[in-house]
PDB file of all heavy atoms in Angstrom:
ATOM      1  N   ARG A   1      19.103 -14.299  72.137  1.00  0.00           N
ATOM      2  CA  ARG A   1      18.249 -14.158  71.006  1.00  0.00           C
ATOM      3  C   ARG A   1      19.057 -14.767  69.859  1.00  0.00           C
ATOM      4  O   ARG A   1      20.220 -14.717  69.724  1.00  0.00           O
ATOM      5  CB  ARG A   1      17.984 -12.780  70.668  1.00  0.00           C
ATOM      6  CG  ARG A   1      17.169 -12.127  71.738  1.00  0.00           C
ATOM      7  CD  ARG A   1      16.747 -10.734  71.373  1.00  0.00           C
ATOM      8  NE  ARG A   1      16.096 -10.098  72.455  1.00  0.00           N
ATOM      9  CZ  ARG A   1      15.395  -8.999  72.384  1.00  0.00           C
ATOM     10  NH1 ARG A   1      15.257  -8.367  71.281  1.00  0.00           N
ATOM     11  NH2 ARG A   1      14.799  -8.448  73.486  1.00  0.00           N
ATOM     12  N   GLY A   2      18.259 -15.331  68.883  1.00  0.00           N
ATOM     13  CA  GLY A   2      18.878 -15.891  67.779  1.00  0.00           C
ATOM     14  C   GLY A   2      17.972 -15.744  66.533  1.00  0.00           C
ATOM     15  O   GLY A   2      16.781 -15.469  66.655  1.00  0.00           O
ATOM     16  N   ARG A   3      18.579 -15.868  65.393  1.00  0.00           N
ATOM     17  CA  ARG A   3      17.818 -15.737  64.103  1.00  0.00           C
ATOM     18  C   ARG A   3      18.179 -16.884  63.170  1.00  0.00           C
ATOM     19  O   ARG A   3      19.319 -17.291  62.998  1.00  0.00           O
ATOM     20  CB  ARG A   3      18.062 -14.375  63.449  1.00  0.00           C
ATOM     21  CG  ARG A   3      17.541 -13.238  64.195  1.00  0.00           C
ATOM     22  CD  ARG A   3      17.735 -12.008  63.391  1.00  0.00           C
ATOM     23  NE  ARG A   3      17.196 -10.924  64.036  1.00  0.00           N
ATOM     24  CZ  ARG A   3      16.996  -9.755  63.590  1.00  0.00           C
ATOM     25  NH1 ARG A   3      17.174  -9.581  62.212  1.00  0.00           N
ATOM     26  NH2 ARG A   3      16.507  -8.737  64.250  1.00  0.00           N
ATOM     27  N   LEU A   4      17.169 -17.309  62.530  1.00  0.00           N
ATOM     28  CA  LEU A   4      17.342 -18.267  61.401  1.00  0.00           C
ATOM     29  C   LEU A   4      16.984 -17.667  60.137  1.00  0.00           C
ATOM     30  O   LEU A   4      15.794 -17.327  59.978  1.00  0.00           O
ATOM     31  CB  LEU A   4      16.553 -19.549  61.647  1.00  0.00           C
ATOM     32  CG  LEU A   4      16.642 -20.630  60.549  1.00  0.00           C
ATOM     33  CD1 LEU A   4      18.026 -21.232  60.420  1.00  0.00           C
ATOM     34  CD2 LEU A   4      15.692 -21.829  60.854  1.00  0.00           C
ATOM     35  N   TRP A   5      17.910 -17.323  59.293  1.00  0.00           N
ATOM     36  CA  TRP A   5      17.597 -16.641  58.042  1.00  0.00           C
ATOM     37  C   TRP A   5      16.870 -17.523  57.123  1.00  0.00           C
ATOM     38  O   TRP A   5      17.028 -18.775  57.129  1.00  0.00           O
ATOM     39  CB  TRP A   5      18.856 -16.090  57.432  1.00  0.00           C
ATOM     40  CG  TRP A   5      19.589 -15.083  58.263  1.00  0.00           C
ATOM     41  CD1 TRP A   5      20.654 -15.304  59.067  1.00  0.00           C
ATOM     42  CD2 TRP A   5      19.187 -13.762  58.335  1.00  0.00           C
ATOM     43  NE1 TRP A   5      20.916 -14.190  59.746  1.00  0.00           N
ATOM     44  CE2 TRP A   5      20.152 -13.140  59.339  1.00  0.00           C
ATOM     45  CE3 TRP A   5      18.203 -12.997  57.826  1.00  0.00           C
ATOM     46  CZ2 TRP A   5      20.050 -11.778  59.645  1.00  0.00           C
ATOM     47  CZ3 TRP A   5      18.233 -11.535  58.254  1.00  0.00           C
ATOM     48  CH2 TRP A   5      19.051 -11.041  59.053  1.00  0.00           C
ATOM     49  N   ASN A   6      16.041 -16.958  56.288  1.00  0.00           N
ATOM     50  CA  ASN A   6      15.252 -17.731  55.360  1.00  0.00           C
ATOM     51  C   ASN A   6      16.122 -18.428  54.348  1.00  0.00           C
ATOM     52  O   ASN A   6      15.867 -19.595  53.986  1.00  0.00           O
ATOM     53  CB  ASN A   6      14.283 -16.795  54.603  1.00  0.00           C
ATOM     54  CG  ASN A   6      13.030 -17.506  54.002  1.00  0.00           C
ATOM     55  OD1 ASN A   6      12.801 -18.656  54.458  1.00  0.00           O
ATOM     56  ND2 ASN A   6      12.410 -16.907  53.002  1.00  0.00           N
ATOM     57  N   GLY A   7      17.244 -17.804  53.928  1.00  0.00           N
ATOM     58  CA  GLY A   7      18.166 -18.521  53.032  1.00  0.00           C
ATOM     59  C   GLY A   7      18.787 -19.773  53.700  1.00  0.00           C
ATOM     60  O   GLY A   7      18.955 -20.768  53.052  1.00  0.00           O
ATOM     61  N   THR A   8      19.129 -19.658  54.909  1.00  0.00           N
ATOM     62  CA  THR A   8      19.736 -20.801  55.617  1.00  0.00           C
ATOM     63  C   THR A   8      18.679 -21.903  55.764  1.00  0.00           C
ATOM     64  O   THR A   8      18.900 -23.134  55.664  1.00  0.00           O
ATOM     65  CB  THR A   8      20.150 -20.373  57.087  1.00  0.00           C
ATOM     66  OG1 THR A   8      21.068 -19.238  56.971  1.00  0.00           O
ATOM     67  CG2 THR A   8      20.918 -21.499  57.824  1.00  0.00           C
ATOM     68  N   PHE A   9      17.407 -21.569  56.020  1.00  0.00           N
ATOM     69  CA  PHE A   9      16.355 -22.541  56.280  1.00  0.00           C
ATOM     70  C   PHE A   9      16.178 -23.183  54.881  1.00  0.00           C
ATOM     71  O   PHE A   9      16.019 -24.445  54.837  1.00  0.00           O
ATOM     72  CB  PHE A   9      15.054 -21.825  56.607  1.00  0.00           C
ATOM     73  CG  PHE A   9      13.923 -22.751  56.866  1.00  0.00           C
ATOM     74  CD1 PHE A   9      13.814 -23.349  58.108  1.00  0.00           C
ATOM     75  CD2 PHE A   9      12.925 -23.051  55.974  1.00  0.00           C
ATOM     76  CE1 PHE A   9      12.786 -24.208  58.375  1.00  0.00           C
ATOM     77  CE2 PHE A   9      11.886 -23.853  56.149  1.00  0.00           C
ATOM     78  CZ  PHE A   9      11.881 -24.481  57.451  1.00  0.00           C
ATOM     79  N   LEU A  10      16.236 -22.443  53.691  1.00  0.00           N
ATOM     80  CA  LEU A  10      15.957 -23.166  52.464  1.00  0.00           C
ATOM     81  C   LEU A  10      17.156 -24.014  52.050  1.00  0.00           C
ATOM     82  O   LEU A  10      17.029 -25.018  51.457  1.00  0.00           O
ATOM     83  CB  LEU A  10      15.860 -22.042  51.363  1.00  0.00           C
ATOM     84  CG  LEU A  10      14.539 -21.333  51.420  1.00  0.00           C
ATOM     85  CD1 LEU A  10      14.477 -20.209  50.444  1.00  0.00           C
ATOM     86  CD2 LEU A  10      13.346 -22.250  51.247  1.00  0.00           C
ATOM     87  N   GLU A  11      18.426 -23.606  52.431  1.00  0.00           N
ATOM     88  CA  GLU A  11      19.616 -24.384  52.125  1.00  0.00           C
ATOM     89  C   GLU A  11      19.761 -25.636  53.014  1.00  0.00           C
ATOM     90  O   GLU A  11      20.070 -26.713  52.549  1.00  0.00           O
ATOM     91  CB  GLU A  11      20.894 -23.621  52.349  1.00  0.00           C
ATOM     92  CG  GLU A  11      21.023 -22.473  51.266  1.00  0.00           C
ATOM     93  CD  GLU A  11      22.197 -21.575  51.526  1.00  0.00           C
ATOM     94  OE1 GLU A  11      22.920 -21.833  52.445  1.00  0.00           O
ATOM     95  OE2 GLU A  11      22.358 -20.483  50.920  1.00  0.00           O
ATOM     96  N   GLU A  12      19.555 -25.442  54.301  1.00  0.00           N
ATOM     97  CA  GLU A  12      19.718 -26.683  55.242  1.00  0.00           C
ATOM     98  C   GLU A  12      18.629 -27.612  55.257  1.00  0.00           C
ATOM     99  O   GLU A  12      18.761 -28.832  55.314  1.00  0.00           O
ATOM    100  CB  GLU A  12      19.999 -26.132  56.630  1.00  0.00           C
ATOM    101  CG  GLU A  12      21.052 -25.239  56.765  1.00  0.00           C
ATOM    102  CD  GLU A  12      22.504 -25.995  56.769  1.00  0.00           C
ATOM    103  OE1 GLU A  12      22.509 -27.156  57.205  1.00  0.00           O
ATOM    104  OE2 GLU A  12      23.481 -25.369  56.395  1.00  0.00           O
ATOM    105  N   TYR A  13      17.346 -27.127  55.162  1.00  0.00           N
ATOM    106  CA  TYR A  13      16.176 -27.949  55.350  1.00  0.00           C
ATOM    107  C   TYR A  13      15.266 -27.803  54.100  1.00  0.00           C
ATOM    108  O   TYR A  13      14.157 -27.305  54.206  1.00  0.00           O
ATOM    109  CB  TYR A  13      15.488 -27.601  56.655  1.00  0.00           C
ATOM    110  CG  TYR A  13      16.325 -27.512  57.807  1.00  0.00           C
ATOM    111  CD1 TYR A  13      16.732 -26.310  58.297  1.00  0.00           C
ATOM    112  CD2 TYR A  13      16.856 -28.640  58.435  1.00  0.00           C
ATOM    113  CE1 TYR A  13      17.564 -26.216  59.479  1.00  0.00           C
ATOM    114  CE2 TYR A  13      17.570 -28.640  59.516  1.00  0.00           C
ATOM    115  CZ  TYR A  13      17.988 -27.313  59.940  1.00  0.00           C
ATOM    116  OH  TYR A  13      18.807 -27.275  61.082  1.00  0.00           O
ATOM    117  N   LEU A  14      15.825 -28.116  52.977  1.00  0.00           N
ATOM    118  CA  LEU A  14      15.014 -27.960  51.733  1.00  0.00           C
ATOM    119  C   LEU A  14      13.803 -28.831  51.543  1.00  0.00           C
ATOM    120  O   LEU A  14      12.750 -28.485  50.980  1.00  0.00           O
ATOM    121  CB  LEU A  14      15.933 -28.158  50.486  1.00  0.00           C
ATOM    122  CG  LEU A  14      15.336 -27.829  49.191  1.00  0.00           C
ATOM    123  CD1 LEU A  14      14.897 -26.389  49.056  1.00  0.00           C
ATOM    124  CD2 LEU A  14      16.370 -28.046  48.033  1.00  0.00           C
ATOM    125  N   ALA A  15      13.812 -30.061  52.044  1.00  0.00           N
ATOM    126  CA  ALA A  15      12.825 -31.067  51.858  1.00  0.00           C
ATOM    127  C   ALA A  15      11.699 -30.984  52.853  1.00  0.00           C
ATOM    128  O   ALA A  15      10.740 -31.789  52.769  1.00  0.00           O
ATOM    129  CB  ALA A  15      13.426 -32.453  51.815  1.00  0.00           C
ATOM    130  N   VAL A  16      11.726 -30.155  53.842  1.00  0.00           N
ATOM    131  CA  VAL A  16      10.770 -30.071  54.900  1.00  0.00           C
ATOM    132  C   VAL A  16      10.034 -28.789  54.848  1.00  0.00           C
ATOM    133  O   VAL A  16      10.501 -27.770  54.281  1.00  0.00           O
ATOM    134  CB  VAL A  16      11.401 -30.337  56.300  1.00  0.00           C
ATOM    135  CG1 VAL A  16      11.905 -31.727  56.402  1.00  0.00           C
ATOM    136  CG2 VAL A  16      12.394 -29.226  56.655  1.00  0.00           C
ATOM    137  N   THR A  17       8.842 -28.710  55.477  1.00  0.00           N
ATOM    138  CA  THR A  17       8.059 -27.423  55.515  1.00  0.00           C
ATOM    139  C   THR A  17       8.150 -26.837  56.900  1.00  0.00           C
ATOM    140  O   THR A  17       7.743 -25.588  56.962  1.00  0.00           O
ATOM    141  CB  THR A  17       6.655 -27.695  55.104  1.00  0.00           C
ATOM    142  OG1 THR A  17       6.047 -28.655  56.056  1.00  0.00           O
ATOM    143  CG2 THR A  17       6.517 -28.191  53.691  1.00  0.00           C
ATOM    144  N   SER A  18       8.552 -27.556  57.897  1.00  0.00           N
ATOM    145  CA  SER A  18       8.686 -27.040  59.173  1.00  0.00           C
ATOM    146  C   SER A  18       9.807 -27.646  59.986  1.00  0.00           C
ATOM    147  O   SER A  18      10.026 -28.870  59.757  1.00  0.00           O
ATOM    148  CB  SER A  18       7.330 -27.040  60.050  1.00  0.00           C
ATOM    149  OG  SER A  18       7.052 -28.522  60.280  1.00  0.00           O
ATOM    150  N   VAL A  19      10.318 -26.978  60.982  1.00  0.00           N
ATOM    151  CA  VAL A  19      11.388 -27.561  61.793  1.00  0.00           C
ATOM    152  C   VAL A  19      11.160 -27.086  63.252  1.00  0.00           C
ATOM    153  O   VAL A  19      10.669 -26.003  63.560  1.00  0.00           O
ATOM    154  CB  VAL A  19      12.803 -27.025  61.338  1.00  0.00           C
ATOM    155  CG1 VAL A  19      13.883 -27.404  62.264  1.00  0.00           C
ATOM    156  CG2 VAL A  19      13.181 -27.449  59.923  1.00  0.00           C
ATOM    157  N   GLU A  20      11.321 -28.124  64.183  1.00  0.00           N
ATOM    158  CA  GLU A  20      11.149 -27.760  65.558  1.00  0.00           C
ATOM    159  C   GLU A  20      12.497 -27.865  66.245  1.00  0.00           C
ATOM    160  O   GLU A  20      13.199 -28.824  66.147  1.00  0.00           O
ATOM    161  CB  GLU A  20      10.160 -28.758  66.240  1.00  0.00           C
ATOM    162  CG  GLU A  20       9.918 -28.358  67.682  1.00  0.00           C
ATOM    163  CD  GLU A  20       8.867 -29.199  68.316  1.00  0.00           C
ATOM    164  OE1 GLU A  20       8.060 -29.824  67.608  1.00  0.00           O
ATOM    165  OE2 GLU A  20       8.822 -29.201  69.578  1.00  0.00           O
ATOM    166  N   LEU A  21      12.936 -26.692  66.691  1.00  0.00           N
ATOM    167  CA  LEU A  21      14.262 -26.590  67.377  1.00  0.00           C
ATOM    168  C   LEU A  21      13.953 -26.680  68.905  1.00  0.00           C
ATOM    169  O   LEU A  21      13.127 -26.049  69.399  1.00  0.00           O
ATOM    170  CB  LEU A  21      14.975 -25.273  67.030  1.00  0.00           C
ATOM    171  CG  LEU A  21      15.370 -25.059  65.580  1.00  0.00           C
ATOM    172  CD1 LEU A  21      15.959 -23.687  65.450  1.00  0.00           C
ATOM    173  CD2 LEU A  21      16.328 -26.123  65.099  1.00  0.00           C
ATOM    174  N   ILE A  22      14.918 -27.398  69.570  1.00  0.00           N
ATOM    175  CA  ILE A  22      14.805 -27.395  71.016  1.00  0.00           C
ATOM    176  C   ILE A  22      16.029 -26.651  71.532  1.00  0.00           C
ATOM    177  O   ILE A  22      17.203 -27.026  71.299  1.00  0.00           O
ATOM    178  CB  ILE A  22      14.748 -28.825  71.554  1.00  0.00           C
ATOM    179  CG1 ILE A  22      13.547 -29.566  70.994  1.00  0.00           C
ATOM    180  CG2 ILE A  22      14.816 -28.877  73.073  1.00  0.00           C
ATOM    181  CD1 ILE A  22      13.505 -30.985  71.340  1.00  0.00           C
ATOM    182  N   VAL A  23      15.819 -25.513  72.156  1.00  0.00           N
ATOM    183  CA  VAL A  23      16.879 -24.707  72.577  1.00  0.00           C
ATOM    184  C   VAL A  23      17.071 -25.008  74.150  1.00  0.00           C
ATOM    185  O   VAL A  23      16.194 -24.955  74.927  1.00  0.00           O
ATOM    186  CB  VAL A  23      16.500 -23.229  72.426  1.00  0.00           C
ATOM    187  CG1 VAL A  23      17.646 -22.311  73.040  1.00  0.00           C
ATOM    188  CG2 VAL A  23      16.241 -22.900  71.039  1.00  0.00           C
ATOM    189  N   ARG A  24      18.317 -25.418  74.319  1.00  0.00           N
ATOM    190  CA  ARG A  24      18.721 -25.755  75.825  1.00  0.00           C
ATOM    191  C   ARG A  24      19.706 -24.770  76.229  1.00  0.00           C
ATOM    192  O   ARG A  24      20.693 -24.514  75.540  1.00  0.00           O
ATOM    193  CB  ARG A  24      19.366 -27.136  75.819  1.00  0.00           C
ATOM    194  CG  ARG A  24      18.273 -28.204  75.592  1.00  0.00           C
ATOM    195  CD  ARG A  24      18.903 -29.625  75.782  1.00  0.00           C
ATOM    196  NE  ARG A  24      17.916 -30.597  75.424  1.00  0.00           N
ATOM    197  CZ  ARG A  24      18.097 -31.451  74.377  1.00  0.00           C
ATOM    198  NH1 ARG A  24      19.073 -31.322  73.667  1.00  0.00           N
ATOM    199  NH2 ARG A  24      17.104 -32.297  74.138  1.00  0.00           N
ATOM    200  N   ALA A  25      19.535 -24.273  77.366  1.00  0.00           N
ATOM    201  CA  ALA A  25      20.543 -23.243  77.929  1.00  0.00           C
ATOM    202  C   ALA A  25      20.830 -23.558  79.430  1.00  0.00           C
ATOM    203  O   ALA A  25      19.922 -23.996  80.166  1.00  0.00           O
ATOM    204  CB  ALA A  25      19.953 -21.794  77.795  1.00  0.00           C
ATOM    205  N   SER A  26      22.009 -23.448  79.731  1.00  0.00           N
ATOM    206  CA  SER A  26      22.369 -23.635  81.213  1.00  0.00           C
ATOM    207  C   SER A  26      23.364 -22.546  81.483  1.00  0.00           C
ATOM    208  O   SER A  26      24.143 -22.124  80.774  1.00  0.00           O
ATOM    209  CB  SER A  26      22.914 -25.018  81.493  1.00  0.00           C
ATOM    210  OG  SER A  26      24.194 -25.190  80.739  1.00  0.00           O
ATOM    211  N   VAL A  27      23.264 -22.178  82.808  1.00  0.00           N
ATOM    212  CA  VAL A  27      24.172 -21.073  83.282  1.00  0.00           C
ATOM    213  C   VAL A  27      25.007 -21.601  84.349  1.00  0.00           C
ATOM    214  O   VAL A  27      24.494 -22.271  85.250  1.00  0.00           O
ATOM    215  CB  VAL A  27      23.258 -19.876  83.800  1.00  0.00           C
ATOM    216  CG1 VAL A  27      24.194 -18.734  84.443  1.00  0.00           C
ATOM    217  CG2 VAL A  27      22.434 -19.275  82.663  1.00  0.00           C
ATOM    218  N   SER A  28      26.216 -21.290  84.422  1.00  0.00           N
ATOM    219  CA  SER A  28      27.142 -21.741  85.549  1.00  0.00           C
ATOM    220  C   SER A  28      27.981 -20.449  85.873  1.00  0.00           C
ATOM    221  O   SER A  28      28.377 -19.599  85.010  1.00  0.00           O
ATOM    222  CB  SER A  28      28.096 -22.876  85.124  1.00  0.00           C
ATOM    223  OG  SER A  28      28.911 -22.485  84.084  1.00  0.00           O
ATOM    224  N   VAL A  29      28.196 -20.203  87.112  1.00  0.00           N
ATOM    225  CA  VAL A  29      28.881 -19.071  87.631  1.00  0.00           C
ATOM    226  C   VAL A  29      30.160 -19.508  88.344  1.00  0.00           C
ATOM    227  O   VAL A  29      30.071 -20.335  89.186  1.00  0.00           O
ATOM    228  CB  VAL A  29      27.936 -18.196  88.583  1.00  0.00           C
ATOM    229  CG1 VAL A  29      28.708 -17.068  89.111  1.00  0.00           C
ATOM    230  CG2 VAL A  29      26.709 -17.723  87.739  1.00  0.00           C
ATOM    231  N   THR A  30      31.235 -18.953  87.940  1.00  0.00           N
ATOM    232  CA  THR A  30      32.485 -19.157  88.643  1.00  0.00           C
ATOM    233  C   THR A  30      32.788 -17.837  89.458  1.00  0.00           C
ATOM    234  O   THR A  30      33.041 -16.799  88.879  1.00  0.00           O
ATOM    235  CB  THR A  30      33.635 -19.368  87.670  1.00  0.00           C
ATOM    236  OG1 THR A  30      33.277 -20.496  86.813  1.00  0.00           O
ATOM    237  CG2 THR A  30      34.901 -19.673  88.404  1.00  0.00           C
ATOM    238  N   SER A  31      32.679 -17.991  90.762  1.00  0.00           N
ATOM    239  CA  SER A  31      32.778 -16.850  91.648  1.00  0.00           C
ATOM    240  C   SER A  31      33.394 -17.168  92.960  1.00  0.00           C
ATOM    241  O   SER A  31      33.315 -18.331  93.379  1.00  0.00           O
ATOM    242  CB  SER A  31      31.446 -16.088  91.726  1.00  0.00           C
ATOM    243  OG  SER A  31      31.572 -15.027  92.611  1.00  0.00           O
ATOM    244  N   SER A  32      33.885 -16.128  93.618  1.00  0.00           N
ATOM    245  CA  SER A  32      34.409 -16.346  94.924  1.00  0.00           C
ATOM    246  C   SER A  32      33.369 -16.048  96.040  1.00  0.00           C
ATOM    247  O   SER A  32      33.537 -16.309  97.286  1.00  0.00           O
ATOM    248  CB  SER A  32      35.635 -15.468  95.236  1.00  0.00           C
ATOM    249  OG  SER A  32      35.208 -14.035  95.154  1.00  0.00           O
ATOM    250  N   ILE A  33      32.172 -15.815  95.624  1.00  0.00           N
ATOM    251  CA  ILE A  33      30.990 -15.559  96.536  1.00  0.00           C
ATOM    252  C   ILE A  33      30.474 -16.920  97.090  1.00  0.00           C
ATOM    253  O   ILE A  33      30.192 -17.748  96.193  1.00  0.00           O
ATOM    254  CB  ILE A  33      29.903 -14.689  95.944  1.00  0.00           C
ATOM    255  CG1 ILE A  33      30.512 -13.417  95.395  1.00  0.00           C
ATOM    256  CG2 ILE A  33      28.741 -14.622  96.801  1.00  0.00           C
ATOM    257  CD1 ILE A  33      29.493 -12.587  94.508  1.00  0.00           C
ATOM    258  N   LYS A  34      30.426 -16.979  98.295  1.00  0.00           N
ATOM    259  CA  LYS A  34      29.994 -18.363  98.885  1.00  0.00           C
ATOM    260  C   LYS A  34      28.501 -18.577  98.894  1.00  0.00           C
ATOM    261  O   LYS A  34      28.025 -19.698  98.692  1.00  0.00           O
ATOM    262  CB  LYS A  34      30.560 -18.517 100.289  1.00  0.00           C
ATOM    263  CG  LYS A  34      31.985 -18.296 100.467  1.00  0.00           C
ATOM    264  CD  LYS A  34      32.645 -19.547  99.904  1.00  0.00           C
ATOM    265  CE  LYS A  34      34.184 -19.382 100.076  1.00  0.00           C
ATOM    266  NZ  LYS A  34      34.909 -20.360  99.282  1.00  0.00           N
ATOM    267  N   ASN A  35      27.707 -17.529  99.097  1.00  0.00           N
ATOM    268  CA  ASN A  35      26.187 -17.746  99.245  1.00  0.00           C
ATOM    269  C   ASN A  35      25.544 -17.382  97.943  1.00  0.00           C
ATOM    270  O   ASN A  35      24.432 -16.881  97.916  1.00  0.00           O
ATOM    271  CB  ASN A  35      25.774 -16.960 100.320  1.00  0.00           C
ATOM    272  CG  ASN A  35      26.049 -15.390 100.154  1.00  0.00           C
ATOM    273  OD1 ASN A  35      26.632 -15.015  99.223  1.00  0.00           O
ATOM    274  ND2 ASN A  35      25.483 -14.638 101.088  1.00  0.00           N
ATOM    275  N   LEU A  36      26.085 -17.720  96.785  1.00  0.00           N
ATOM    276  CA  LEU A  36      25.447 -17.393  95.403  1.00  0.00           C
ATOM    277  C   LEU A  36      24.508 -18.551  95.144  1.00  0.00           C
ATOM    278  O   LEU A  36      24.907 -19.687  95.107  1.00  0.00           O
ATOM    279  CB  LEU A  36      26.581 -17.363  94.437  1.00  0.00           C
ATOM    280  CG  LEU A  36      26.153 -16.910  92.974  1.00  0.00           C
ATOM    281  CD1 LEU A  36      25.525 -15.450  93.025  1.00  0.00           C
ATOM    282  CD2 LEU A  36      27.224 -16.941  92.013  1.00  0.00           C
ATOM    283  N   VAL A  37      23.281 -18.152  94.827  1.00  0.00           N
ATOM    284  CA  VAL A  37      22.221 -19.200  94.508  1.00  0.00           C
ATOM    285  C   VAL A  37      21.738 -18.969  93.121  1.00  0.00           C
ATOM    286  O   VAL A  37      21.364 -17.834  92.755  1.00  0.00           O
ATOM    287  CB  VAL A  37      21.055 -19.107  95.494  1.00  0.00           C
ATOM    288  CG1 VAL A  37      19.966 -20.120  95.165  1.00  0.00           C
ATOM    289  CG2 VAL A  37      21.612 -19.363  96.876  1.00  0.00           C
ATOM    290  N   LEU A  38      21.700 -20.005  92.325  1.00  0.00           N
ATOM    291  CA  LEU A  38      21.118 -19.909  90.968  1.00  0.00           C
ATOM    292  C   LEU A  38      19.765 -20.530  90.829  1.00  0.00           C
ATOM    293  O   LEU A  38      19.660 -21.751  91.182  1.00  0.00           O
ATOM    294  CB  LEU A  38      22.152 -20.604  89.956  1.00  0.00           C
ATOM    295  CG  LEU A  38      23.419 -19.880  89.656  1.00  0.00           C
ATOM    296  CD1 LEU A  38      24.283 -20.726  88.654  1.00  0.00           C
ATOM    297  CD2 LEU A  38      23.210 -18.513  89.088  1.00  0.00           C
ATOM    298  N   LYS A  39      18.778 -19.699  90.447  1.00  0.00           N
ATOM    299  CA  LYS A  39      17.446 -20.331  90.245  1.00  0.00           C
ATOM    300  C   LYS A  39      17.235 -20.581  88.716  1.00  0.00           C
ATOM    301  O   LYS A  39      17.621 -19.699  87.969  1.00  0.00           O
ATOM    302  CB  LYS A  39      16.338 -19.324  90.728  1.00  0.00           C
ATOM    303  CG  LYS A  39      16.350 -19.137  92.252  1.00  0.00           C
ATOM    304  CD  LYS A  39      15.256 -18.273  92.633  1.00  0.00           C
ATOM    305  CE  LYS A  39      15.147 -17.999  94.052  1.00  0.00           C
ATOM    306  NZ  LYS A  39      14.157 -17.101  94.478  1.00  0.00           N
TER     307      LYS A  39
END
């Protein structure tokens, strides 16, 4: 979860009325288990 504070929005993006963020996330597992499957 994340938050974008109104003050940060006004400071960083003062000239625009809307912003579209693309959130990308990836998971990697380092383990000794051989049959670990990530969906």
